[in-house]
PDB file of N, CA and C in Angstrom:
ATOM      1  N   UNK A   1     -39.809  12.246  10.972  1.00  0.00           N
ATOM      2  CA  UNK A   1     -38.698  12.302  11.754  1.00  0.00           C
ATOM      3  C   UNK A   1     -37.736  12.653  10.954  1.00  0.00           C
ATOM      4  N   UNK A   2     -36.619  13.550  11.192  1.00  0.00           N
ATOM      5  CA  UNK A   2     -35.406  13.838  10.580  1.00  0.00           C
ATOM      6  C   UNK A   2     -34.260  12.887  10.472  1.00  0.00           C
ATOM      7  N   UNK A   3     -33.479  12.302   9.675  1.00  0.00           N
ATOM      8  CA  UNK A   3     -32.408  11.814   9.408  1.00  0.00           C
ATOM      9  C   UNK A   3     -31.187  12.211   9.978  1.00  0.00           C
ATOM     10  N   UNK A   4     -30.533  12.049  11.126  1.00  0.00           N
ATOM     11  CA  UNK A   4     -29.315  12.396  11.471  1.00  0.00           C
ATOM     12  C   UNK A   4     -28.356  12.635  10.449  1.00  0.00           C
ATOM     13  N   UNK A   5     -27.680  13.607  10.603  1.00  0.00           N
ATOM     14  CA  UNK A   5     -26.770  13.957   9.900  1.00  0.00           C
ATOM     15  C   UNK A   5     -25.357  13.760  10.026  1.00  0.00           C
ATOM     16  N   UNK A   6     -25.066  13.201   9.023  1.00  0.00           N
ATOM     17  CA  UNK A   6     -23.489  12.400   9.329  1.00  0.00           C
ATOM     18  C   UNK A   6     -22.468  13.577  10.105  1.00  0.00           C
ATOM     19  N   UNK A   7     -22.067  13.164  11.130  1.00  0.00           N
ATOM     20  CA  UNK A   7     -20.870  14.210  11.740  1.00  0.00           C
ATOM     21  C   UNK A   7     -19.617  14.355  11.126  1.00  0.00           C
ATOM     22  N   UNK A   8     -18.921  15.497  10.953  1.00  0.00           N
ATOM     23  CA  UNK A   8     -18.242  15.911  10.117  1.00  0.00           C
ATOM     24  C   UNK A   8     -16.979  15.178  10.297  1.00  0.00           C
ATOM     25  N   UNK A   9     -16.823  14.294  11.344  1.00  0.00           N
ATOM     26  CA  UNK A   9     -15.581  13.731  11.293  1.00  0.00           C
ATOM     27  C   UNK A   9     -15.420  12.285  10.538  1.00  0.00           C
ATOM     28  N   UNK A  10     -16.989  11.796  10.399  1.00  0.00           N
ATOM     29  CA  UNK A  10     -17.156  10.387   9.536  1.00  0.00           C
ATOM     30  C   UNK A  10     -17.143  10.884   8.317  1.00  0.00           C
ATOM     31  N   UNK A  11     -16.793  12.103   7.772  1.00  0.00           N
ATOM     32  CA  UNK A  11     -17.038  12.424   6.184  1.00  0.00           C
ATOM     33  C   UNK A  11     -15.309  12.618   5.769  1.00  0.00           C
ATOM     34  N   UNK A  12     -14.831  11.951   4.610  1.00  0.00           N
ATOM     35  CA  UNK A  12     -13.987  11.863   3.938  1.00  0.00           C
ATOM     36  C   UNK A  12     -13.421  13.155   3.731  1.00  0.00           C
ATOM     37  N   UNK A  13     -12.387  13.899   4.009  1.00  0.00           N
ATOM     38  CA  UNK A  13     -11.616  14.989   4.127  1.00  0.00           C
ATOM     39  C   UNK A  13     -11.134  14.870   2.369  1.00  0.00           C
ATOM     40  N   UNK A  14     -11.206  16.182   1.816  1.00  0.00           N
ATOM     41  CA  UNK A  14     -10.592  15.992   0.194  1.00  0.00           C
ATOM     42  C   UNK A  14      -9.311  15.368   0.342  1.00  0.00           C
ATOM     43  N   UNK A  15      -8.200  15.566   0.913  1.00  0.00           N
ATOM     44  CA  UNK A  15      -7.155  15.008   1.206  1.00  0.00           C
ATOM     45  C   UNK A  15      -7.368  13.198   1.367  1.00  0.00           C
ATOM     46  N   UNK A  16      -8.433  13.070   2.251  1.00  0.00           N
ATOM     47  CA  UNK A  16      -8.920  11.741   2.426  1.00  0.00           C
ATOM     48  C   UNK A  16      -9.315  11.010   1.050  1.00  0.00           C
ATOM     49  N   UNK A  17     -10.220  11.937   0.526  1.00  0.00           N
ATOM     50  CA  UNK A  17     -10.715  11.280  -1.060  1.00  0.00           C
ATOM     51  C   UNK A  17      -9.781  10.801  -2.283  1.00  0.00           C
ATOM     52  N   UNK A  18      -9.002  12.075  -2.059  1.00  0.00           N
ATOM     53  CA  UNK A  18      -8.076  12.192  -2.933  1.00  0.00           C
ATOM     54  C   UNK A  18      -6.759  10.799  -2.691  1.00  0.00           C
ATOM     55  N   UNK A  19      -6.445  11.002  -1.117  1.00  0.00           N
ATOM     56  CA  UNK A  19      -5.759   9.468  -0.749  1.00  0.00           C
ATOM     57  C   UNK A  19      -6.452   8.091  -1.330  1.00  0.00           C
ATOM     58  N   UNK A  20      -7.949   7.984  -1.062  1.00  0.00           N
ATOM     59  CA  UNK A  20      -8.703   6.880  -1.562  1.00  0.00           C
ATOM     60  C   UNK A  20      -8.559   6.443  -2.966  1.00  0.00           C
ATOM     61  N   UNK A  21      -8.409   7.567  -3.640  1.00  0.00           N
ATOM     62  CA  UNK A  21      -8.554   7.765  -5.576  1.00  0.00           C
ATOM     63  C   UNK A  21      -7.151   6.628  -5.817  1.00  0.00           C
ATOM     64  N   UNK A  22      -6.129   7.828  -4.959  1.00  0.00           N
ATOM     65  CA  UNK A  22      -4.695   7.209  -5.585  1.00  0.00           C
ATOM     66  C   UNK A  22      -4.248   5.609  -4.841  1.00  0.00           C
ATOM     67  N   UNK A  23      -4.436   5.231  -3.518  1.00  0.00           N
ATOM     68  CA  UNK A  23      -4.392   3.867  -3.204  1.00  0.00           C
ATOM     69  C   UNK A  23      -4.041   2.837  -3.882  1.00  0.00           C
ATOM     70  N   UNK A  24      -5.140   2.487  -4.616  1.00  0.00           N
ATOM     71  CA  UNK A  24      -4.921   1.364  -5.599  1.00  0.00           C
ATOM     72  C   UNK A  24      -3.727   1.369  -6.253  1.00  0.00           C
ATOM     73  N   UNK A  25      -3.500   2.683  -7.209  1.00  0.00           N
ATOM     74  CA  UNK A  25      -2.143   2.881  -7.842  1.00  0.00           C
ATOM     75  C   UNK A  25      -1.212   2.443  -6.973  1.00  0.00           C
ATOM     76  N   UNK A  26      -1.212   3.241  -6.219  1.00  0.00           N
ATOM     77  CA  UNK A  26       0.502   2.901  -5.204  1.00  0.00           C
ATOM     78  C   UNK A  26       0.202   1.426  -4.837  1.00  0.00           C
ATOM     79  N   UNK A  27      -0.591   0.645  -4.367  1.00  0.00           N
ATOM     80  CA  UNK A  27      -0.672  -0.451  -4.013  1.00  0.00           C
ATOM     81  C   UNK A  27      -0.121  -1.442  -5.091  1.00  0.00           C
ATOM     82  N   UNK A  28      -0.919  -1.467  -6.148  1.00  0.00           N
ATOM     83  CA  UNK A  28      -0.319  -2.172  -7.442  1.00  0.00           C
ATOM     84  C   UNK A  28       1.306  -1.885  -7.665  1.00  0.00           C
ATOM     85  N   UNK A  29       1.715  -0.601  -7.530  1.00  0.00           N
ATOM     86  CA  UNK A  29       3.236  -0.464  -8.048  1.00  0.00           C
ATOM     87  C   UNK A  29       3.948  -1.165  -7.010  1.00  0.00           C
ATOM     88  N   UNK A  30       3.625  -1.148  -5.780  1.00  0.00           N
ATOM     89  CA  UNK A  30       4.295  -1.842  -4.745  1.00  0.00           C
ATOM     90  C   UNK A  30       4.492  -3.192  -5.023  1.00  0.00           C
ATOM     91  N   UNK A  31       3.260  -4.014  -5.137  1.00  0.00           N
ATOM     92  CA  UNK A  31       2.950  -5.339  -5.611  1.00  0.00           C
ATOM     93  C   UNK A  31       4.052  -5.331  -7.084  1.00  0.00           C
ATOM     94  N   UNK A  32       4.137  -4.759  -7.698  1.00  0.00           N
ATOM     95  CA  UNK A  32       4.730  -5.191  -8.847  1.00  0.00           C
ATOM     96  C   UNK A  32       6.081  -4.619  -8.928  1.00  0.00           C
ATOM     97  N   UNK A  33       6.517  -3.919  -8.004  1.00  0.00           N
ATOM     98  CA  UNK A  33       8.113  -3.675  -7.165  1.00  0.00           C
ATOM     99  C   UNK A  33       8.457  -5.032  -6.527  1.00  0.00           C
ATOM    100  N   UNK A  34       7.298  -5.512  -5.519  1.00  0.00           N
ATOM    101  CA  UNK A  34       7.975  -6.513  -4.841  1.00  0.00           C
ATOM    102  C   UNK A  34       7.901  -7.982  -5.746  1.00  0.00           C
ATOM    103  N   UNK A  35       7.272  -8.211  -6.524  1.00  0.00           N
ATOM    104  CA  UNK A  35       7.294  -9.358  -7.528  1.00  0.00           C
ATOM    105  C   UNK A  35       8.617  -9.089  -8.339  1.00  0.00           C
ATOM    106  N   UNK A  36       8.684  -7.899  -8.953  1.00  0.00           N
ATOM    107  CA  UNK A  36       9.927  -7.605 -10.030  1.00  0.00           C
ATOM    108  C   UNK A  36      11.202  -8.347  -8.782  1.00  0.00           C
ATOM    109  N   UNK A  37      11.372  -7.541  -7.665  1.00  0.00           N
ATOM    110  CA  UNK A  37      12.160  -8.123  -6.963  1.00  0.00           C
ATOM    111  C   UNK A  37      12.111  -9.423  -6.496  1.00  0.00           C
ATOM    112  N   UNK A  38      11.160 -10.377  -6.290  1.00  0.00           N
ATOM    113  CA  UNK A  38      11.139 -11.942  -5.623  1.00  0.00           C
ATOM    114  C   UNK A  38      11.761 -12.659  -7.196  1.00  0.00           C
ATOM    115  N   UNK A  39      11.550 -12.112  -8.447  1.00  0.00           N
ATOM    116  CA  UNK A  39      12.315 -12.481  -9.868  1.00  0.00           C
ATOM    117  C   UNK A  39      13.526 -12.454  -9.730  1.00  0.00           C
ATOM    118  N   UNK A  40      13.891 -11.169  -9.113  1.00  0.00           N
ATOM    119  CA  UNK A  40      15.549 -10.646  -9.135  1.00  0.00           C
ATOM    120  C   UNK A  40      16.119 -12.010  -8.122  1.00  0.00           C
ATOM    121  N   UNK A  41      15.686 -11.981  -7.364  1.00  0.00           N
ATOM    122  CA  UNK A  41      16.179 -12.881  -6.403  1.00  0.00           C
ATOM    123  C   UNK A  41      16.279 -14.357  -6.325  1.00  0.00           C
ATOM    124  N   UNK A  42      15.382 -14.889  -7.267  1.00  0.00           N
ATOM    125  CA  UNK A  42      15.442 -16.027  -7.625  1.00  0.00           C
ATOM    126  C   UNK A  42      16.573 -16.364  -9.113  1.00  0.00           C
ATOM    127  N   UNK A  43      17.138 -15.090  -9.547  1.00  0.00           N
ATOM    128  CA  UNK A  43      18.340 -15.327 -10.691  1.00  0.00           C
ATOM    129  C   UNK A  43      19.625 -16.044  -9.628  1.00  0.00           C
ATOM    130  N   UNK A  44      20.097 -16.987 -10.281  1.00  0.00           N
ATOM    131  CA  UNK A  44      21.008 -17.543  -9.704  1.00  0.00           C
ATOM    132  C   UNK A  44      22.047 -16.544  -9.412  1.00  0.00           C
ATOM    133  N   UNK A  45      22.359 -15.430 -10.011  1.00  0.00           N
ATOM    134  CA  UNK A  45      23.505 -14.446 -10.174  1.00  0.00           C
ATOM    135  C   UNK A  45      23.294 -13.762  -9.143  1.00  0.00           C
ATOM    136  N   UNK A  46      21.954 -13.557  -8.537  1.00  0.00           N
ATOM    137  CA  UNK A  46      21.744 -12.716  -7.469  1.00  0.00           C
ATOM    138  C   UNK A  46      22.683 -12.824  -6.371  1.00  0.00           C
ATOM    139  N   UNK A  47      23.154 -13.801  -5.869  1.00  0.00           N
ATOM    140  CA  UNK A  47      24.022 -13.639  -4.891  1.00  0.00           C
ATOM    141  C   UNK A  47      25.442 -13.700  -5.155  1.00  0.00           C
ATOM    142  N   UNK A  48      26.008 -13.251  -6.361  1.00  0.00           N
ATOM    143  CA  UNK A  48      26.861 -12.672  -6.933  1.00  0.00           C
ATOM    144  C   UNK A  48      27.106 -11.378  -6.585  1.00  0.00           C
ATOM    145  N   UNK A  49      26.045 -10.572  -6.474  1.00  0.00           N
ATOM    146  CA  UNK A  49      25.771  -9.140  -6.615  1.00  0.00           C
ATOM    147  C   UNK A  49      26.843  -8.625  -5.298  1.00  0.00           C
ATOM    148  N   UNK A  50      27.005  -7.486  -5.304  1.00  0.00           N
ATOM    149  CA  UNK A  50      27.896  -6.593  -3.837  1.00  0.00           C
ATOM    150  C   UNK A  50      26.835  -6.882  -2.706  1.00  0.00           C
ATOM    151  N   UNK A  51      27.617  -7.324  -1.726  1.00  0.00           N
ATOM    152  CA  UNK A  51      26.958  -7.585  -0.263  1.00  0.00           C
ATOM    153  C   UNK A  51      25.611  -6.822  -0.305  1.00  0.00           C
ATOM    154  N   UNK A  52      26.171  -4.948  -0.327  1.00  0.00           N
ATOM    155  CA  UNK A  52      25.328  -4.039  -0.142  1.00  0.00           C
ATOM    156  C   UNK A  52      23.795  -4.277  -0.943  1.00  0.00           C
ATOM    157  N   UNK A  53      24.080  -4.869  -2.148  1.00  0.00           N
ATOM    158  CA  UNK A  53      23.052  -4.675  -3.162  1.00  0.00           C
ATOM    159  C   UNK A  53      21.892  -5.962  -2.397  1.00  0.00           C
ATOM    160  N   UNK A  54      22.684  -6.908  -2.316  1.00  0.00           N
ATOM    161  CA  UNK A  54      21.815  -8.134  -1.354  1.00  0.00           C
ATOM    162  C   UNK A  54      20.989  -7.641  -0.250  1.00  0.00           C
ATOM    163  N   UNK A  55      21.988  -7.220   0.607  1.00  0.00           N
ATOM    164  CA  UNK A  55      21.459  -6.328   1.485  1.00  0.00           C
ATOM    165  C   UNK A  55      19.865  -5.807   1.677  1.00  0.00           C
ATOM    166  N   UNK A  56      19.959  -4.916   0.329  1.00  0.00           N
ATOM    167  CA  UNK A  56      19.203  -3.575   0.179  1.00  0.00           C
ATOM    168  C   UNK A  56      17.651  -4.541  -0.340  1.00  0.00           C
ATOM    169  N   UNK A  57      18.284  -5.341  -1.202  1.00  0.00           N
ATOM    170  CA  UNK A  57      17.064  -5.896  -1.772  1.00  0.00           C
ATOM    171  C   UNK A  57      16.281  -7.003  -0.888  1.00  0.00           C
ATOM    172  N   UNK A  58      16.870  -7.766   0.059  1.00  0.00           N
ATOM    173  CA  UNK A  58      16.551  -8.320   1.523  1.00  0.00           C
ATOM    174  C   UNK A  58      15.716  -7.603   2.193  1.00  0.00           C
ATOM    175  N   UNK A  59      15.995  -6.664   2.940  1.00  0.00           N
ATOM    176  CA  UNK A  59      15.224  -5.464   3.432  1.00  0.00           C
ATOM    177  C   UNK A  59      14.199  -4.930   2.566  1.00  0.00           C
ATOM    178  N   UNK A  60      14.119  -5.045   1.326  1.00  0.00           N
ATOM    179  CA  UNK A  60      12.900  -4.648   0.921  1.00  0.00           C
ATOM    180  C   UNK A  60      12.188  -5.686   0.789  1.00  0.00           C
ATOM    181  N   UNK A  61      12.578  -6.859   0.171  1.00  0.00           N
ATOM    182  CA  UNK A  61      11.561  -7.791   0.269  1.00  0.00           C
ATOM    183  C   UNK A  61      10.916  -8.163   1.553  1.00  0.00           C
ATOM    184  N   UNK A  62      11.302  -7.596   2.913  1.00  0.00           N
ATOM    185  CA  UNK A  62      10.549  -7.995   4.269  1.00  0.00           C
ATOM    186  C   UNK A  62       9.984  -6.395   4.215  1.00  0.00           C
ATOM    187  N   UNK A  63       9.806  -5.372   3.769  1.00  0.00           N
ATOM    188  CA  UNK A  63       9.357  -4.153   4.051  1.00  0.00           C
ATOM    189  C   UNK A  63       8.510  -4.172   3.445  1.00  0.00           C
ATOM    190  N   UNK A  64       8.626  -4.220   2.141  1.00  0.00           N
ATOM    191  CA  UNK A  64       7.256  -4.539   0.921  1.00  0.00           C
ATOM    192  C   UNK A  64       5.712  -5.029   1.483  1.00  0.00           C
ATOM    193  N   UNK A  65       5.927  -6.167   1.791  1.00  0.00           N
ATOM    194  CA  UNK A  65       4.684  -6.705   2.324  1.00  0.00           C
ATOM    195  C   UNK A  65       3.719  -5.820   3.143  1.00  0.00           C
ATOM    196  N   UNK A  66       5.055  -5.733   4.351  1.00  0.00           N
ATOM    197  CA  UNK A  66       4.319  -4.307   5.355  1.00  0.00           C
ATOM    198  C   UNK A  66       3.527  -3.120   4.957  1.00  0.00           C
ATOM    199  N   UNK A  67       4.342  -2.636   4.045  1.00  0.00           N
ATOM    200  CA  UNK A  67       3.725  -1.457   3.700  1.00  0.00           C
ATOM    201  C   UNK A  67       2.646  -1.841   2.851  1.00  0.00           C
ATOM    202  N   UNK A  68       2.423  -2.794   2.053  1.00  0.00           N
ATOM    203  CA  UNK A  68       1.296  -2.770   1.287  1.00  0.00           C
ATOM    204  C   UNK A  68       0.402  -3.197   2.173  1.00  0.00           C
ATOM    205  N   UNK A  69       0.607  -3.998   2.927  1.00  0.00           N
ATOM    206  CA  UNK A  69      -0.780  -4.509   4.021  1.00  0.00           C
ATOM    207  C   UNK A  69      -1.110  -3.263   4.666  1.00  0.00           C
ATOM    208  N   UNK A  70      -0.185  -2.396   5.279  1.00  0.00           N
ATOM    209  CA  UNK A  70      -0.533  -1.128   5.814  1.00  0.00           C
ATOM    210  C   UNK A  70      -1.518  -0.143   5.010  1.00  0.00           C
ATOM    211  N   UNK A  71      -1.201  -0.235   3.809  1.00  0.00           N
ATOM    212  CA  UNK A  71      -2.027   0.543   2.778  1.00  0.00           C
ATOM    213  C   UNK A  71      -3.603  -0.115   2.485  1.00  0.00           C
ATOM    214  N   UNK A  72      -3.306  -1.408   2.471  1.00  0.00           N
ATOM    215  CA  UNK A  72      -4.720  -1.946   2.057  1.00  0.00           C
ATOM    216  C   UNK A  72      -5.838  -2.149   3.430  1.00  0.00           C
ATOM    217  N   UNK A  73      -4.965  -1.777   4.660  1.00  0.00           N
ATOM    218  CA  UNK A  73      -5.898  -1.707   5.607  1.00  0.00           C
ATOM    219  C   UNK A  73      -6.378   0.128   5.350  1.00  0.00           C
ATOM    220  N   UNK A  74      -5.788   0.917   5.215  1.00  0.00           N
ATOM    221  CA  UNK A  74      -6.108   2.266   5.234  1.00  0.00           C
ATOM    222  C   UNK A  74      -6.894   2.495   3.907  1.00  0.00           C
ATOM    223  N   UNK A  75      -6.950   1.494   3.059  1.00  0.00           N
ATOM    224  CA  UNK A  75      -8.300   1.543   1.943  1.00  0.00           C
ATOM    225  C   UNK A  75      -8.965   1.046   2.148  1.00  0.00           C
ATOM    226  N   UNK A  76      -9.114  -0.139   3.318  1.00  0.00           N
ATOM    227  CA  UNK A  76     -10.302  -0.683   3.456  1.00  0.00           C
ATOM    228  C   UNK A  76     -10.993   0.465   4.599  1.00  0.00           C
ATOM    229  N   UNK A  77     -10.299   1.241   5.575  1.00  0.00           N
ATOM    230  CA  UNK A  77     -10.982   2.161   6.561  1.00  0.00           C
ATOM    231  C   UNK A  77     -11.444   3.255   5.614  1.00  0.00           C
ATOM    232  N   UNK A  78     -11.005   3.928   4.870  1.00  0.00           N
ATOM    233  CA  UNK A  78     -11.391   4.910   3.611  1.00  0.00           C
ATOM    234  C   UNK A  78     -12.928   4.573   3.024  1.00  0.00           C
ATOM    235  N   UNK A  79     -12.573   3.426   2.501  1.00  0.00           N
ATOM    236  CA  UNK A  79     -13.893   2.713   1.672  1.00  0.00           C
ATOM    237  C   UNK A  79     -14.911   2.425   2.770  1.00  0.00           C
ATOM    238  N   UNK A  80     -14.849   2.106   3.696  1.00  0.00           N
ATOM    239  CA  UNK A  80     -16.009   1.937   4.570  1.00  0.00           C
ATOM    240  C   UNK A  80     -16.496   3.605   5.486  1.00  0.00           C
ATOM    241  N   UNK A  81     -15.795   4.284   5.610  1.00  0.00           N
ATOM    242  CA  UNK A  81     -15.877   5.733   6.081  1.00  0.00           C
ATOM    243  C   UNK A  81     -16.659   6.317   4.798  1.00  0.00           C
ATOM    244  N   UNK A  82     -16.074   5.864   3.560  1.00  0.00           N
ATOM    245  CA  UNK A  82     -17.215   6.841   2.315  1.00  0.00           C
ATOM    246  C   UNK A  82     -18.056   5.888   2.298  1.00  0.00           C
ATOM    247  N   UNK A  83     -18.318   4.790   2.380  1.00  0.00           N
ATOM    248  CA  UNK A  83     -19.738   3.927   1.997  1.00  0.00           C
ATOM    249  C   UNK A  83     -20.755   4.520   2.920  1.00  0.00           C
ATOM    250  N   UNK A  84     -19.976   5.238   4.307  1.00  0.00           N
ATOM    251  CA  UNK A  84     -21.402   5.154   5.323  1.00  0.00           C
ATOM    252  C   UNK A  84     -21.802   6.497   5.318  1.00  0.00           C
ATOM    253  N   UNK A  85     -21.286   7.511   4.451  1.00  0.00           N
ATOM    254  CA  UNK A  85     -21.886   8.638   4.251  1.00  0.00           C
ATOM    255  C   UNK A  85     -22.985   8.663   2.562  1.00  0.00           C
TER     256      UNK A  85
END
């Protein structure tokens, strides 16, 4: 009996393969950015900065974990599809 051929939709496209390869580096860069931001915000002089700088840092501190989480989910999805082929 012949094994079923995986459907074309379950295979990773060229762009998805490239994305899968680049995701770990992107995640690592965002994690480093978040860590640096946390160190900056922990400095005693942080709240002496201009209000706009404080606001931007606070917004980034809220946004980055969500962005990292989204990339981790995408990475897991692509890895799973790649393993199935």
